[in-house]
Amino acid sequence: MTRLNLVLLLAVLASALYLVNVQYDSRRLFTELDRANAEAHRLELDNDRLEVEKRAQATPLRVEKLARENLQMRSATPAITSYATYTEPTAPDTGGVGTPARAAAGVLK
């Protein structure tokens, strides 16, 4: 009978130690989760702030000012604009066969 009591006492002590270990791990994981949520919130706020800054930096007036000051660019006017025209290239002579693709394939009209 005392041997059974000793085995039961050891089983109770082992389960108590296991329970303490599980509670410790649970608290540690909850703390890590809370830290991760706080970090995610901070990163979301930083992202929003950076998006606002990016939009402020990319305004057309700011880009134009930087182009004028740093790149010495100026607005296009008809006086300094030159226009290029596109002319259709002439087809090469295929020797009466038709299109160059047909000539290459050996297909006659």
Protein backbone atom coordinates (compact mmCIF):
# COMPACT_ATOMS: atom_id res chain seq x y z
CA MET A 1 0.00 0.00 0.00
CA THR A 2 2.78 2.45 0.80
CA ARG A 3 4.44 1.62 -2.48
CA LEU A 4 1.24 2.66 -4.34
CA ASN A 5 1.12 5.91 -2.35
CA LEU A 6 4.74 6.63 -3.26
CA VAL A 7 4.03 6.05 -6.98
CA LEU A 8 0.95 8.30 -6.82
CA LEU A 9 2.93 11.01 -4.98
CA LEU A 10 5.62 10.94 -7.71
CA ALA A 11 2.91 11.11 -10.40
CA VAL A 12 1.31 14.14 -8.71
CA LEU A 13 4.70 15.89 -8.39
CA ALA A 14 5.55 15.18 -12.04
CA SER A 15 2.19 16.53 -13.23
CA ALA A 16 2.58 19.61 -11.01
CA LEU A 17 6.02 20.35 -12.48
CA TYR A 18 4.66 19.81 -15.99
CA LEU A 19 1.76 22.20 -15.27
CA VAL A 20 4.17 24.89 -14.02
CA ASN A 21 6.28 24.46 -17.16
CA VAL A 22 3.24 24.73 -19.45
CA GLN A 23 2.00 27.88 -17.67
CA TYR A 24 5.46 29.46 -17.99
CA ASP A 25 5.59 28.68 -21.72
CA SER A 26 2.06 30.04 -22.15
CA ARG A 27 2.95 33.34 -20.47
CA ARG A 28 6.17 33.64 -22.48
CA LEU A 29 4.32 33.03 -25.76
CA PHE A 30 1.58 35.51 -24.84
CA THR A 31 4.23 38.15 -24.11
CA GLU A 32 5.91 37.49 -27.46
CA LEU A 33 2.56 37.73 -29.24
CA ASP A 34 1.82 41.05 -27.52
CA ARG A 35 5.25 42.39 -28.55
CA ALA A 36 4.72 41.23 -32.13
CA ASN A 37 1.32 42.93 -32.28
CA ALA A 38 2.83 46.17 -30.94
CA GLU A 39 5.62 45.97 -33.52
CA ALA A 40 3.11 45.33 -36.32
CA HIS A 41 1.10 48.37 -35.23
CA ARG A 42 4.25 50.51 -35.13
CA LEU A 43 5.28 49.33 -38.60
CA GLU A 44 1.81 50.07 -39.96
CA LEU A 45 2.00 53.61 -38.60
CA ASP A 46 5.49 54.06 -40.09
CA ASN A 47 4.21 52.80 -43.45
CA ASP A 48 1.32 55.26 -43.40
CA ARG A 49 3.67 58.12 -42.49
CA LEU A 50 6.08 57.18 -45.28
CA GLU A 51 3.25 56.98 -47.82
CA VAL A 52 2.20 60.52 -46.88
CA GLU A 53 5.80 61.73 -47.19
CA LYS A 54 6.16 60.00 -50.57
CA ARG A 55 3.02 61.70 -51.87
CA ALA A 56 4.27 65.06 -50.59
CA GLN A 57 7.66 64.59 -52.29
CA ALA A 58 6.14 63.61 -55.65
CA THR A 59 3.89 66.61 -56.21
CA PRO A 60 4.12 68.03 -59.74
CA LEU A 61 5.23 71.45 -58.50
CA ARG A 62 8.11 69.98 -56.47
CA VAL A 63 9.23 67.79 -59.38
CA GLU A 64 9.14 70.77 -61.72
CA LYS A 65 11.12 72.90 -59.25
CA LEU A 66 13.78 70.21 -58.88
CA ALA A 67 13.99 69.78 -62.66
CA ARG A 68 14.52 73.51 -63.13
CA GLU A 69 17.06 73.91 -60.30
CA ASN A 70 19.08 70.68 -60.36
CA LEU A 71 18.82 69.63 -64.00
CA GLN A 72 18.56 73.14 -65.57
CA MET A 73 15.50 72.03 -67.54
CA ARG A 74 12.95 74.41 -68.99
CA SER A 75 9.41 74.14 -70.31
CA ALA A 76 8.95 73.20 -73.93
CA THR A 77 7.79 76.02 -76.18
CA PRO A 78 7.02 75.99 -79.90
CA ALA A 79 10.16 78.06 -80.50
CA ILE A 80 12.47 75.31 -79.23
CA THR A 81 10.42 72.31 -80.33
CA SER A 82 11.37 70.36 -83.42
CA TYR A 83 9.02 67.81 -84.91
CA ALA A 84 10.04 64.58 -86.56
CA THR A 85 7.90 62.93 -89.21
CA TYR A 86 7.59 59.24 -89.88
CA THR A 87 7.68 57.98 -93.44
CA GLU A 88 6.55 54.51 -94.41
CA PRO A 89 9.53 52.41 -95.58
CA THR A 90 9.37 51.14 -99.12
CA ALA A 91 8.94 47.41 -99.72
CA PRO A 92 11.98 45.59 -101.14
CA ASP A 93 11.78 44.07 -104.60
CA THR A 94 10.66 40.43 -104.32
CA GLY A 95 11.02 39.55 -107.97
CA GLY A 96 7.28 39.33 -108.62
CA VAL A 97 6.69 36.72 -105.90
CA GLY A 98 4.63 38.86 -103.53
CA THR A 99 5.48 39.74 -99.95
CA PRO A 100 9.01 39.12 -98.62
CA ALA A 101 7.60 36.47 -96.28
CA ARG A 102 6.15 34.57 -99.26
CA ALA A 103 9.38 34.92 -101.14
CA ALA A 104 11.30 33.48 -98.20
CA ALA A 105 8.85 30.57 -97.93
CA GLY A 106 8.93 29.91 -101.67
CA VAL A 107 5.19 30.55 -102.09
CA LEU A 108 4.07 31.97 -105.41
CA LYS A 109 1.13 34.28 -105.98
